Amino acid sequence: MAEVGPLIRTWRWLMNIGAYPGETDVRAGQRRIVVGYIVFGIPPRLLGGLGRFGVGLGWVGVNDMMAWVVPALGLAALAAKPHWFTAIVHTLLAAALLENLVPTVMLGGIVEADLIMAWT
């Protein structure tokens, strides 16, 4: 069997976060989707949050920064407590709703917040 590179090893390691013995194939697929969403979602959220500070929207930037901190904590929780998968996903979904609702309120409405609630 051919040796795999560091990128593939890293990807496999990431996709195994939260795996546990006896995990069903369906649950493993669900977990991998959530882990992939978190891993690919953190960089744009980090950059978007930093961008808000640059245009004078400090408190909205803080909210945007929380938009990557909460999923990162969820990933750590999934690694530590894989059987809490459902509760972790529900927490992440509630956080996603709040992270989009808060800027809508802070900026004064749906249009002023670039219709973010429409996407939510």
PDB file of N, CA and C in Angstrom:
ATOM      1  N   MET A   1       0.835  -1.174   0.000  1.00  0.00           N
ATOM      2  CA  MET A   1       0.000   0.000   0.000  1.00  0.00           C
ATOM      3  C   MET A   1       0.885   1.244   0.000  1.00  0.00           C
ATOM      4  N   ALA A   2       0.486   2.219  -0.775  1.00  0.00           N
ATOM      5  CA  ALA A   2       1.291   3.429  -0.920  1.00  0.00           C
ATOM      6  C   ALA A   2       1.212   4.278   0.350  1.00  0.00           C
ATOM      7  N   GLU A   3       2.298   4.955   0.612  1.00  0.00           N
ATOM      8  CA  GLU A   3       2.366   5.864   1.757  1.00  0.00           C
ATOM      9  C   GLU A   3       1.504   7.100   1.469  1.00  0.00           C
ATOM     10  N   VAL A   4       0.726   7.536   2.458  1.00  0.00           N
ATOM     11  CA  VAL A   4      -0.106   8.723   2.273  1.00  0.00           C
ATOM     12  C   VAL A   4       0.642   9.946   2.771  1.00  0.00           C
ATOM     13  N   GLY A   5       0.334  11.072   2.151  1.00  0.00           N
ATOM     14  CA  GLY A   5       1.008  12.310   2.491  1.00  0.00           C
ATOM     15  C   GLY A   5       0.446  12.943   3.757  1.00  0.00           C
ATOM     16  N   PRO A   6       1.103  14.003   4.213  1.00  0.00           N
ATOM     17  CA  PRO A   6       0.672  14.651   5.454  1.00  0.00           C
ATOM     18  C   PRO A   6      -0.713  15.292   5.347  1.00  0.00           C
ATOM     19  N   LEU A   7      -1.077  15.773   4.166  1.00  0.00           N
ATOM     20  CA  LEU A   7      -2.386  16.380   3.998  1.00  0.00           C
ATOM     21  C   LEU A   7      -3.495  15.344   4.175  1.00  0.00           C
ATOM     22  N   ILE A   8      -3.307  14.178   3.599  1.00  0.00           N
ATOM     23  CA  ILE A   8      -4.305  13.109   3.728  1.00  0.00           C
ATOM     24  C   ILE A   8      -4.359  12.611   5.164  1.00  0.00           C
ATOM     25  N   ARG A   9      -3.208  12.477   5.817  1.00  0.00           N
ATOM     26  CA  ARG A   9      -3.192  12.069   7.230  1.00  0.00           C
ATOM     27  C   ARG A   9      -3.929  13.088   8.096  1.00  0.00           C
ATOM     28  N   THR A  10      -3.713  14.361   7.830  1.00  0.00           N
ATOM     29  CA  THR A  10      -4.393  15.412   8.590  1.00  0.00           C
ATOM     30  C   THR A  10      -5.894  15.353   8.352  1.00  0.00           C
ATOM     31  N   TRP A  11      -6.297  15.184   7.101  1.00  0.00           N
ATOM     32  CA  TRP A  11      -7.712  15.091   6.769  1.00  0.00           C
ATOM     33  C   TRP A  11      -8.359  13.902   7.478  1.00  0.00           C
ATOM     34  N   ARG A  12      -7.704  12.755   7.454  1.00  0.00           N
ATOM     35  CA  ARG A  12      -8.249  11.567   8.129  1.00  0.00           C
ATOM     36  C   ARG A  12      -8.355  11.794   9.635  1.00  0.00           C
ATOM     37  N   TRP A  13      -7.350  12.460  10.201  1.00  0.00           N
ATOM     38  CA  TRP A  13      -7.379  12.758  11.633  1.00  0.00           C
ATOM     39  C   TRP A  13      -8.576  13.663  11.956  1.00  0.00           C
ATOM     40  N   LEU A  14      -8.776  14.704  11.143  1.00  0.00           N
ATOM     41  CA  LEU A  14      -9.899  15.607  11.361  1.00  0.00           C
ATOM     42  C   LEU A  14     -11.235  14.866  11.263  1.00  0.00           C
ATOM     43  N   MET A  15     -11.378  14.021  10.269  1.00  0.00           N
ATOM     44  CA  MET A  15     -12.636  13.316  10.061  1.00  0.00           C
ATOM     45  C   MET A  15     -12.896  12.254  11.127  1.00  0.00           C
ATOM     46  N   ASN A  16     -11.891  11.914  11.907  1.00  0.00           N
ATOM     47  CA  ASN A  16     -12.072  10.957  12.996  1.00  0.00           C
ATOM     48  C   ASN A  16     -12.318  11.616  14.338  1.00  0.00           C
ATOM     49  N   ILE A  17     -12.366  12.950  14.377  1.00  0.00           N
ATOM     50  CA  ILE A  17     -12.679  13.626  15.635  1.00  0.00           C
ATOM     51  C   ILE A  17     -14.082  13.215  16.065  1.00  0.00           C
ATOM     52  N   GLY A  18     -14.201  12.747  17.274  1.00  0.00           N
ATOM     53  CA  GLY A  18     -15.495  12.349  17.824  1.00  0.00           C
ATOM     54  C   GLY A  18     -15.901  10.926  17.502  1.00  0.00           C
ATOM     55  N   ALA A  19     -15.047  10.171  16.796  1.00  0.00           N
ATOM     56  CA  ALA A  19     -15.374   8.772  16.496  1.00  0.00           C
ATOM     57  C   ALA A  19     -15.287   7.946  17.770  1.00  0.00           C
ATOM     58  N   TYR A  20     -16.087   6.910  17.833  1.00  0.00           N
ATOM     59  CA  TYR A  20     -16.053   6.031  19.000  1.00  0.00           C
ATOM     60  C   TYR A  20     -16.345   4.599  18.562  1.00  0.00           C
ATOM     61  N   PRO A  21     -15.892   3.621  19.340  1.00  0.00           N
ATOM     62  CA  PRO A  21     -16.132   2.220  18.986  1.00  0.00           C
ATOM     63  C   PRO A  21     -17.633   1.925  18.933  1.00  0.00           C
ATOM     64  N   GLY A  22     -18.040   1.205  17.922  1.00  0.00           N
ATOM     65  CA  GLY A  22     -19.434   0.844  17.773  1.00  0.00           C
ATOM     66  C   GLY A  22     -20.284   1.905  17.090  1.00  0.00           C
ATOM     67  N   GLU A  23     -19.662   2.965  16.611  1.00  0.00           N
ATOM     68  CA  GLU A  23     -20.389   4.031  15.926  1.00  0.00           C
ATOM     69  C   GLU A  23     -20.974   3.473  14.632  1.00  0.00           C
ATOM     70  N   THR A  24     -22.246   3.763  14.380  1.00  0.00           N
ATOM     71  CA  THR A  24     -22.867   3.278  13.143  1.00  0.00           C
ATOM     72  C   THR A  24     -22.353   4.079  11.953  1.00  0.00           C
ATOM     73  N   ASP A  25     -22.516   3.518  10.770  1.00  0.00           N
ATOM     74  CA  ASP A  25     -22.090   4.216   9.558  1.00  0.00           C
ATOM     75  C   ASP A  25     -22.871   5.517   9.360  1.00  0.00           C
ATOM     76  N   VAL A  26     -24.157   5.499   9.703  1.00  0.00           N
ATOM     77  CA  VAL A  26     -24.979   6.701   9.556  1.00  0.00           C
ATOM     78  C   VAL A  26     -24.470   7.793  10.485  1.00  0.00           C
ATOM     79  N   ARG A  27     -24.211   7.448  11.756  1.00  0.00           N
ATOM     80  CA  ARG A  27     -23.724   8.442  12.708  1.00  0.00           C
ATOM     81  C   ARG A  27     -22.339   8.937  12.295  1.00  0.00           C
ATOM     82  N   ALA A  28     -21.485   8.045  11.788  1.00  0.00           N
ATOM     83  CA  ALA A  28     -20.156   8.467  11.341  1.00  0.00           C
ATOM     84  C   ALA A  28     -20.274   9.465  10.194  1.00  0.00           C
ATOM     85  N   GLY A  29     -21.202   9.234   9.275  1.00  0.00           N
ATOM     86  CA  GLY A  29     -21.413  10.169   8.179  1.00  0.00           C
ATOM     87  C   GLY A  29     -21.914  11.519   8.671  1.00  0.00           C
ATOM     88  N   GLN A  30     -22.864  11.494   9.604  1.00  0.00           N
ATOM     89  CA  GLN A  30     -23.369  12.742  10.171  1.00  0.00           C
ATOM     90  C   GLN A  30     -22.254  13.507  10.872  1.00  0.00           C
ATOM     91  N   ARG A  31     -21.466  12.793  11.642  1.00  0.00           N
ATOM     92  CA  ARG A  31     -20.367  13.418  12.379  1.00  0.00           C
ATOM     93  C   ARG A  31     -19.357  14.037  11.435  1.00  0.00           C
ATOM     94  N   ARG A  32     -19.033  13.339  10.369  1.00  0.00           N
ATOM     95  CA  ARG A  32     -18.067  13.870   9.397  1.00  0.00           C
ATOM     96  C   ARG A  32     -18.592  15.128   8.712  1.00  0.00           C
ATOM     97  N   ILE A  33     -19.883  15.183   8.442  1.00  0.00           N
ATOM     98  CA  ILE A  33     -20.472  16.377   7.847  1.00  0.00           C
ATOM     99  C   ILE A  33     -20.338  17.555   8.806  1.00  0.00           C
ATOM    100  N   VAL A  34     -20.652  17.328  10.068  1.00  0.00           N
ATOM    101  CA  VAL A  34     -20.554  18.400  11.069  1.00  0.00           C
ATOM    102  C   VAL A  34     -19.114  18.847  11.240  1.00  0.00           C
ATOM    103  N   VAL A  35     -18.197  17.894  11.327  1.00  0.00           N
ATOM    104  CA  VAL A  35     -16.778  18.241  11.482  1.00  0.00           C
ATOM    105  C   VAL A  35     -16.290  19.014  10.253  1.00  0.00           C
ATOM    106  N   GLY A  36     -16.650  18.576   9.069  1.00  0.00           N
ATOM    107  CA  GLY A  36     -16.249  19.285   7.850  1.00  0.00           C
ATOM    108  C   GLY A  36     -16.821  20.688   7.797  1.00  0.00           C
ATOM    109  N   TYR A  37     -18.078  20.835   8.202  1.00  0.00           N
ATOM    110  CA  TYR A  37     -18.701  22.159   8.241  1.00  0.00           C
ATOM    111  C   TYR A  37     -17.931  23.087   9.176  1.00  0.00           C
ATOM    112  N   ILE A  38     -17.559  22.575  10.331  1.00  0.00           N
ATOM    113  CA  ILE A  38     -16.826  23.391  11.295  1.00  0.00           C
ATOM    114  C   ILE A  38     -15.437  23.731  10.761  1.00  0.00           C
ATOM    115  N   VAL A  39     -14.722  22.740  10.260  1.00  0.00           N
ATOM    116  CA  VAL A  39     -13.347  22.953   9.790  1.00  0.00           C
ATOM    117  C   VAL A  39     -13.312  23.953   8.635  1.00  0.00           C
ATOM    118  N   PHE A  40     -14.222  23.799   7.671  1.00  0.00           N
ATOM    119  CA  PHE A  40     -14.229  24.713   6.531  1.00  0.00           C
ATOM    120  C   PHE A  40     -14.899  26.043   6.844  1.00  0.00           C
ATOM    121  N   GLY A  41     -15.698  26.098   7.906  1.00  0.00           N
ATOM    122  CA  GLY A  41     -16.384  27.327   8.261  1.00  0.00           C
ATOM    123  C   GLY A  41     -15.577  28.289   9.102  1.00  0.00           C
ATOM    124  N   ILE A  42     -14.586  27.804   9.812  1.00  0.00           N
ATOM    125  CA  ILE A  42     -13.822  28.670  10.711  1.00  0.00           C
ATOM    126  C   ILE A  42     -13.018  29.737   9.959  1.00  0.00           C
ATOM    127  N   PRO A  43     -12.233  29.417   8.936  1.00  0.00           N
ATOM    128  CA  PRO A  43     -11.426  30.472   8.286  1.00  0.00           C
ATOM    129  C   PRO A  43     -12.237  31.641   7.720  1.00  0.00           C
ATOM    130  N   PRO A  44     -13.331  31.415   6.965  1.00  0.00           N
ATOM    131  CA  PRO A  44     -14.062  32.588   6.470  1.00  0.00           C
ATOM    132  C   PRO A  44     -14.723  33.393   7.583  1.00  0.00           C
ATOM    133  N   ARG A  45     -15.149  32.732   8.637  1.00  0.00           N
ATOM    134  CA  ARG A  45     -15.742  33.457   9.756  1.00  0.00           C
ATOM    135  C   ARG A  45     -14.698  34.297  10.465  1.00  0.00           C
ATOM    136  N   LEU A  46     -13.513  33.766  10.596  1.00  0.00           N
ATOM    137  CA  LEU A  46     -12.426  34.520  11.223  1.00  0.00           C
ATOM    138  C   LEU A  46     -12.099  35.752  10.384  1.00  0.00           C
ATOM    139  N   LEU A  47     -11.936  35.573   9.098  1.00  0.00           N
ATOM    140  CA  LEU A  47     -11.622  36.697   8.220  1.00  0.00           C
ATOM    141  C   LEU A  47     -12.762  37.716   8.160  1.00  0.00           C
ATOM    142  N   GLY A  48     -13.995  37.239   8.119  1.00  0.00           N
ATOM    143  CA  GLY A  48     -15.137  38.140   8.100  1.00  0.00           C
ATOM    144  C   GLY A  48     -15.238  38.951   9.379  1.00  0.00           C
ATOM    145  N   GLY A  49     -14.978  38.298  10.501  1.00  0.00           N
ATOM    146  CA  GLY A  49     -15.008  39.003  11.777  1.00  0.00           C
ATOM    147  C   GLY A  49     -13.938  40.061  11.867  1.00  0.00           C
ATOM    148  N   LEU A  50     -12.747  39.746  11.397  1.00  0.00           N
ATOM    149  CA  LEU A  50     -11.671  40.734  11.409  1.00  0.00           C
ATOM    150  C   LEU A  50     -12.000  41.906  10.488  1.00  0.00           C
ATOM    151  N   GLY A  51     -12.683  41.624   9.383  1.00  0.00           N
ATOM    152  CA  GLY A  51     -13.070  42.675   8.445  1.00  0.00           C
ATOM    153  C   GLY A  51     -14.065  43.659   9.035  1.00  0.00           C
ATOM    154  N   ARG A  52     -14.919  43.200   9.926  1.00  0.00           N
ATOM    155  CA  ARG A  52     -15.894  44.091  10.557  1.00  0.00           C
ATOM    156  C   ARG A  52     -15.208  45.148  11.424  1.00  0.00           C
ATOM    157  N   PHE A  53     -14.115  44.756  12.077  1.00  0.00           N
ATOM    158  CA  PHE A  53     -13.388  45.715  12.911  1.00  0.00           C
ATOM    159  C   PHE A  53     -12.808  46.840  12.061  1.00  0.00           C
ATOM    160  N   GLY A  54     -12.379  46.501  10.853  1.00  0.00           N
ATOM    161  CA  GLY A  54     -11.752  47.479   9.973  1.00  0.00           C
ATOM    162  C   GLY A  54     -12.689  48.557   9.454  1.00  0.00           C
ATOM    163  N   VAL A  55     -14.005  48.301   9.506  1.00  0.00           N
ATOM    164  CA  VAL A  55     -14.954  49.290   8.995  1.00  0.00           C
ATOM    165  C   VAL A  55     -15.746  49.944  10.130  1.00  0.00           C
ATOM    166  N   GLY A  56     -15.256  49.822  11.358  1.00  0.00           N
ATOM    167  CA  GLY A  56     -15.876  50.510  12.485  1.00  0.00           C
ATOM    168  C   GLY A  56     -17.068  49.813  13.110  1.00  0.00           C
ATOM    169  N   LEU A  57     -17.224  48.525  12.864  1.00  0.00           N
ATOM    170  CA  LEU A  57     -18.337  47.781  13.448  1.00  0.00           C
ATOM    171  C   LEU A  57     -17.802  46.824  14.513  1.00  0.00           C
ATOM    172  N   GLY A  58     -17.229  47.391  15.555  1.00  0.00           N
ATOM    173  CA  GLY A  58     -16.546  46.600  16.578  1.00  0.00           C
ATOM    174  C   GLY A  58     -17.398  45.543  17.239  1.00  0.00           C
ATOM    175  N   TRP A  59     -18.604  45.911  17.706  1.00  0.00           N
ATOM    176  CA  TRP A  59     -19.431  44.930  18.397  1.00  0.00           C
ATOM    177  C   TRP A  59     -19.946  43.853  17.452  1.00  0.00           C
ATOM    178  N   VAL A  60     -20.205  44.217  16.234  1.00  0.00           N
ATOM    179  CA  VAL A  60     -20.596  43.201  15.249  1.00  0.00           C
ATOM    180  C   VAL A  60     -19.400  42.298  14.964  1.00  0.00           C
ATOM    181  N   GLY A  61     -18.195  42.875  14.956  1.00  0.00           N
ATOM    182  CA  GLY A  61     -16.985  42.072  14.785  1.00  0.00           C
ATOM    183  C   GLY A  61     -16.790  41.079  15.918  1.00  0.00           C
ATOM    184  N   VAL A  62     -17.089  41.512  17.129  1.00  0.00           N
ATOM    185  CA  VAL A  62     -17.000  40.591  18.283  1.00  0.00           C
ATOM    186  C   VAL A  62     -17.978  39.443  18.088  1.00  0.00           C
ATOM    187  N   ASN A  63     -19.198  39.749  17.668  1.00  0.00           N
ATOM    188  CA  ASN A  63     -20.177  38.705  17.393  1.00  0.00           C
ATOM    189  C   ASN A  63     -19.675  37.762  16.302  1.00  0.00           C
ATOM    190  N   ASP A  64     -19.096  38.325  15.251  1.00  0.00           N
ATOM    191  CA  ASP A  64     -18.573  37.493  14.166  1.00  0.00           C
ATOM    192  C   ASP A  64     -17.407  36.622  14.638  1.00  0.00           C
ATOM    193  N   MET A  65     -16.610  37.143  15.552  1.00  0.00           N
ATOM    194  CA  MET A  65     -15.505  36.331  16.076  1.00  0.00           C
ATOM    195  C   MET A  65     -16.050  35.156  16.895  1.00  0.00           C
ATOM    196  N   MET A  66     -17.150  35.388  17.599  1.00  0.00           N
ATOM    197  CA  MET A  66     -17.779  34.296  18.341  1.00  0.00           C
ATOM    198  C   MET A  66     -18.327  33.235  17.391  1.00  0.00           C
ATOM    199  N   ALA A  67     -18.596  33.636  16.152  1.00  0.00           N
ATOM    200  CA  ALA A  67     -19.128  32.710  15.162  1.00  0.00           C
ATOM    201  C   ALA A  67     -18.114  31.635  14.782  1.00  0.00           C
ATOM    202  N   TRP A  68     -16.845  31.822  15.091  1.00  0.00           N
ATOM    203  CA  TRP A  68     -15.887  30.747  14.863  1.00  0.00           C
ATOM    204  C   TRP A  68     -15.413  30.144  16.178  1.00  0.00           C
ATOM    205  N   VAL A  69     -15.496  30.906  17.262  1.00  0.00           N
ATOM    206  CA  VAL A  69     -15.073  30.370  18.559  1.00  0.00           C
ATOM    207  C   VAL A  69     -16.035  29.281  19.032  1.00  0.00           C
ATOM    208  N   VAL A  70     -17.333  29.532  18.910  1.00  0.00           N
ATOM    209  CA  VAL A  70     -18.328  28.557  19.372  1.00  0.00           C
ATOM    210  C   VAL A  70     -18.209  27.231  18.603  1.00  0.00           C
ATOM    211  N   PRO A  71     -18.124  27.230  17.263  1.00  0.00           N
ATOM    212  CA  PRO A  71     -17.928  25.952  16.576  1.00  0.00           C
ATOM    213  C   PRO A  71     -16.610  25.264  16.941  1.00  0.00           C
ATOM    214  N   ALA A  72     -15.551  26.043  17.155  1.00  0.00           N
ATOM    215  CA  ALA A  72     -14.280  25.434  17.569  1.00  0.00           C
ATOM    216  C   ALA A  72     -14.430  24.755  18.920  1.00  0.00           C
ATOM    217  N   LEU A  73     -15.152  25.392  19.838  1.00  0.00           N
ATOM    218  CA  LEU A  73     -15.418  24.765  21.136  1.00  0.00           C
ATOM    219  C   LEU A  73     -16.306  23.529  20.973  1.00  0.00           C
ATOM    220  N   GLY A  74     -17.254  23.607  20.038  1.00  0.00           N
ATOM    221  CA  GLY A  74     -18.098  22.447  19.747  1.00  0.00           C
ATOM    222  C   GLY A  74     -17.282  21.276  19.217  1.00  0.00           C
ATOM    223  N   LEU A  75     -16.293  21.574  18.403  1.00  0.00           N
ATOM    224  CA  LEU A  75     -15.407  20.530  17.885  1.00  0.00           C
ATOM    225  C   LEU A  75     -14.604  19.895  19.020  1.00  0.00           C
ATOM    226  N   ALA A  76     -14.115  20.729  19.927  1.00  0.00           N
ATOM    227  CA  ALA A  76     -13.381  20.213  21.088  1.00  0.00           C
ATOM    228  C   ALA A  76     -14.299  19.368  21.967  1.00  0.00           C
ATOM    229  N   ALA A  77     -15.545  19.816  22.150  1.00  0.00           N
ATOM    230  CA  ALA A  77     -16.500  19.048  22.949  1.00  0.00           C
ATOM    231  C   ALA A  77     -16.813  17.717  22.287  1.00  0.00           C
ATOM    232  N   LEU A  78     -16.942  17.723  20.965  1.00  0.00           N
ATOM    233  CA  LEU A  78     -17.207  16.478  20.232  1.00  0.00           C
ATOM    234  C   LEU A  78     -16.052  15.506  20.385  1.00  0.00           C
ATOM    235  N   ALA A  79     -14.833  16.023  20.371  1.00  0.00           N
ATOM    236  CA  ALA A  79     -13.665  15.160  20.552  1.00  0.00           C
ATOM    237  C   ALA A  79     -13.647  14.560  21.955  1.00  0.00           C
ATOM    238  N   ALA A  80     -14.045  15.345  22.945  1.00  0.00           N
ATOM    239  CA  ALA A  80     -14.012  14.878  24.330  1.00  0.00           C
ATOM    240  C   ALA A  80     -15.209  14.004  24.681  1.00  0.00           C
ATOM    241  N   LYS A  81     -16.366  14.345  24.171  1.00  0.00           N
ATOM    242  CA  LYS A  81     -17.612  13.644  24.516  1.00  0.00           C
ATOM    243  C   LYS A  81     -18.382  13.274  23.256  1.00  0.00           C
ATOM    244  N   PRO A  82     -17.953  12.262  22.510  1.00  0.00           N
ATOM    245  CA  PRO A  82     -18.605  11.940  21.241  1.00  0.00           C
ATOM    246  C   PRO A  82     -20.078  11.551  21.373  1.00  0.00           C
ATOM    247  N   HIS A  83     -20.472  11.037  22.522  1.00  0.00           N
ATOM    248  CA  HIS A  83     -21.868  10.630  22.682  1.00  0.00           C
ATOM    249  C   HIS A  83     -22.797  11.825  22.892  1.00  0.00           C
ATOM    250  N   TRP A  84     -22.252  13.012  23.019  1.00  0.00           N
ATOM    251  CA  TRP A  84     -23.048  14.232  23.141  1.00  0.00           C
ATOM    252  C   TRP A  84     -23.324  14.842  21.771  1.00  0.00           C
ATOM    253  N   PHE A  85     -23.133  14.085  20.714  1.00  0.00           N
ATOM    254  CA  PHE A  85     -23.234  14.594  19.346  1.00  0.00           C
ATOM    255  C   PHE A  85     -24.508  15.406  19.113  1.00  0.00           C
ATOM    256  N   THR A  86     -25.653  14.850  19.468  1.00  0.00           N
ATOM    257  CA  THR A  86     -26.918  15.527  19.206  1.00  0.00           C
ATOM    258  C   THR A  86     -27.000  16.856  19.950  1.00  0.00           C
ATOM    259  N   ALA A  87     -26.619  16.869  21.213  1.00  0.00           N
ATOM    260  CA  ALA A  87     -26.656  18.111  21.992  1.00  0.00           C
ATOM    261  C   ALA A  87     -25.685  19.147  21.423  1.00  0.00           C
ATOM    262  N   ILE A  88     -24.530  18.703  20.981  1.00  0.00           N
ATOM    263  CA  ILE A  88     -23.545  19.617  20.400  1.00  0.00           C
ATOM    264  C   ILE A  88     -24.083  20.217  19.107  1.00  0.00           C
ATOM    265  N   VAL A  89     -24.698  19.409  18.266  1.00  0.00           N
ATOM    266  CA  VAL A  89     -25.264  19.914  17.012  1.00  0.00           C
ATOM    267  C   VAL A  89     -26.390  20.906  17.289  1.00  0.00           C
ATOM    268  N   HIS A  90     -27.240  20.606  18.259  1.00  0.00           N
ATOM    269  CA  HIS A  90     -28.320  21.538  18.604  1.00  0.00           C
ATOM    270  C   HIS A  90     -27.757  22.855  19.126  1.00  0.00           C
ATOM    271  N   THR A  91     -26.711  22.785  19.915  1.00  0.00           N
ATOM    272  CA  THR A  91     -26.066  23.996  20.417  1.00  0.00           C
ATOM    273  C   THR A  91     -25.479  24.812  19.268  1.00  0.00           C
ATOM    274  N   LEU A  92     -24.836  24.142  18.313  1.00  0.00           N
ATOM    275  CA  LEU A  92     -24.255  24.840  17.166  1.00  0.00           C
ATOM    276  C   LEU A  92     -25.334  25.484  16.296  1.00  0.00           C
ATOM    277  N   LEU A  93     -26.463  24.808  16.140  1.00  0.00           N
ATOM    278  CA  LEU A  93     -27.553  25.388  15.353  1.00  0.00           C
ATOM    279  C   LEU A  93     -28.150  26.618  16.048  1.00  0.00           C
ATOM    280  N   ALA A  94     -28.315  26.539  17.361  1.00  0.00           N
ATOM    281  CA  ALA A  94     -28.815  27.702  18.104  1.00  0.00           C
ATOM    282  C   ALA A  94     -27.823  28.856  18.020  1.00  0.00           C
ATOM    283  N   ALA A  95     -26.541  28.547  18.125  1.00  0.00           N
ATOM    284  CA  ALA A  95     -25.509  29.592  18.025  1.00  0.00           C
ATOM    285  C   ALA A  95     -25.520  30.218  16.633  1.00  0.00           C
ATOM    286  N   ALA A  96     -25.733  29.420  15.599  1.00  0.00           N
ATOM    287  CA  ALA A  96     -25.779  29.953  14.233  1.00  0.00           C
ATOM    288  C   ALA A  96     -26.960  30.910  14.068  1.00  0.00           C
ATOM    289  N   LEU A  97     -28.098  30.559  14.650  1.00  0.00           N
ATOM    290  CA  LEU A  97     -29.250  31.454  14.579  1.00  0.00           C
ATOM    291  C   LEU A  97     -28.949  32.761  15.302  1.00  0.00           C
ATOM    292  N   LEU A  98     -28.385  32.663  16.501  1.00  0.00           N
ATOM    293  CA  LEU A  98     -28.087  33.871  17.278  1.00  0.00           C
ATOM    294  C   LEU A  98     -27.004  34.727  16.621  1.00  0.00           C
ATOM    295  N   GLU A  99     -26.004  34.079  16.031  1.00  0.00           N
ATOM    296  CA  GLU A  99     -24.922  34.858  15.419  1.00  0.00           C
ATOM    297  C   GLU A  99     -25.411  35.654  14.214  1.00  0.00           C
ATOM    298  N   ASN A 100     -26.535  35.274  13.655  1.00  0.00           N
ATOM    299  CA  ASN A 100     -27.121  36.032  12.555  1.00  0.00           C
ATOM    300  C   ASN A 100     -28.209  36.992  13.022  1.00  0.00           C
ATOM    301  N   LEU A 101     -28.876  36.664  14.111  1.00  0.00           N
ATOM    302  CA  LEU A 101     -29.906  37.536  14.652  1.00  0.00           C
ATOM    303  C   LEU A 101     -29.293  38.769  15.321  1.00  0.00           C
ATOM    304  N   VAL A 102     -28.206  38.583  16.044  1.00  0.00           N
ATOM    305  CA  VAL A 102     -27.574  39.693  16.771  1.00  0.00           C
ATOM    306  C   VAL A 102     -27.156  40.832  15.839  1.00  0.00           C
ATOM    307  N   PRO A 103     -26.452  40.577  14.720  1.00  0.00           N
ATOM    308  CA  PRO A 103     -26.112  41.702  13.840  1.00  0.00           C
ATOM    309  C   PRO A 103     -27.345  42.387  13.247  1.00  0.00           C
ATOM    310  N   THR A 104     -28.401  41.623  12.998  1.00  0.00           N
ATOM    311  CA  THR A 104     -29.622  42.219  12.463  1.00  0.00           C
ATOM    312  C   THR A 104     -30.175  43.243  13.449  1.00  0.00           C
ATOM    313  N   VAL A 105     -30.171  42.899  14.725  1.00  0.00           N
ATOM    314  CA  VAL A 105     -30.654  43.821  15.749  1.00  0.00           C
ATOM    315  C   VAL A 105     -29.666  44.969  15.935  1.00  0.00           C
ATOM    316  N   MET A 106     -28.373  44.660  15.986  1.00  0.00           N
ATOM    317  CA  MET A 106     -27.355  45.687  16.240  1.00  0.00           C
ATOM    318  C   MET A 106     -27.264  46.714  15.111  1.00  0.00           C
ATOM    319  N   LEU A 107     -27.486  46.265  13.887  1.00  0.00           N
ATOM    320  CA  LEU A 107     -27.365  47.169  12.745  1.00  0.00           C
ATOM    321  C   LEU A 107     -28.668  47.866  12.404  1.00  0.00           C
ATOM    322  N   GLY A 108     -29.756  47.494  13.089  1.00  0.00           N
ATOM    323  CA  GLY A 108     -30.994  48.235  12.928  1.00  0.00           C
ATOM    324  C   GLY A 108     -32.004  47.659  11.963  1.00  0.00           C
ATOM    325  N   GLY A 109     -31.860  46.433  11.549  1.00  0.00           N
ATOM    326  CA  GLY A 109     -32.877  45.835  10.699  1.00  0.00           C
ATOM    327  C   GLY A 109     -32.319  44.857   9.692  1.00  0.00           C
ATOM    328  N   ILE A 110     -33.229  44.212   9.012  1.00  0.00           N
ATOM    329  CA  ILE A 110     -32.850  43.160   8.071  1.00  0.00           C
ATOM    330  C   ILE A 110     -32.061  43.712   6.896  1.00  0.00           C
ATOM    331  N   VAL A 111     -32.498  44.809   6.329  1.00  0.00           N
ATOM    332  CA  VAL A 111     -31.813  45.381   5.164  1.00  0.00           C
ATOM    333  C   VAL A 111     -30.433  45.900   5.567  1.00  0.00           C
ATOM    334  N   GLU A 112     -30.354  46.587   6.703  1.00  0.00           N
ATOM    335  CA  GLU A 112     -29.080  47.144   7.164  1.00  0.00           C
ATOM    336  C   GLU A 112     -28.058  46.052   7.465  1.00  0.00           C
ATOM    337  N   ALA A 113     -28.547  44.867   7.806  1.00  0.00           N
ATOM    338  CA  ALA A 113     -27.668  43.728   8.099  1.00  0.00           C
ATOM    339  C   ALA A 113     -27.438  42.862   6.859  1.00  0.00           C
ATOM    340  N   ASP A 114     -27.657  43.431   5.688  1.00  0.00           N
ATOM    341  CA  ASP A 114     -27.428  42.742   4.413  1.00  0.00           C
ATOM    342  C   ASP A 114     -28.252  41.463   4.259  1.00  0.00           C
ATOM    343  N   LEU A 115     -29.475  41.484   4.771  1.00  0.00           N
ATOM    344  CA  LEU A 115     -30.428  40.375   4.638  1.00  0.00           C
ATOM    345  C   LEU A 115     -29.903  39.054   5.207  1.00  0.00           C
ATOM    346  N   ILE A 116     -29.050  39.143   6.213  1.00  0.00           N
ATOM    347  CA  ILE A 116     -28.440  37.928   6.756  1.00  0.00           C
ATOM    348  C   ILE A 116     -29.481  36.963   7.311  1.00  0.00           C
ATOM    349  N   MET A 117     -30.559  37.488   7.897  1.00  0.00           N
ATOM    350  CA  MET A 117     -31.605  36.607   8.440  1.00  0.00           C
ATOM    351  C   MET A 117     -32.341  35.868   7.340  1.00  0.00           C
ATOM    352  N   ALA A 118     -32.386  36.419   6.143  1.00  0.00           N
ATOM    353  CA  ALA A 118     -33.016  35.712   5.029  1.00  0.00           C
ATOM    354  C   ALA A 118     -32.222  34.459   4.682  1.00  0.00           C
ATOM    355  N   TRP A 119     -30.905  34.527   4.805  1.00  0.00           N
ATOM    356  CA  TRP A 119     -30.069  33.374   4.529  1.00  0.00           C
ATOM    357  C   TRP A 119     -30.131  32.363   5.673  1.00  0.00           C
ATOM    358  N   THR A 120     -30.350  32.841   6.876  1.00  0.00           N
ATOM    359  CA  THR A 120     -30.399  31.953   8.038  1.00  0.00           C
ATOM    360  C   THR A 120     -31.598  31.062   7.950  1.00  0.00           C
TER     361      THR A 120
END
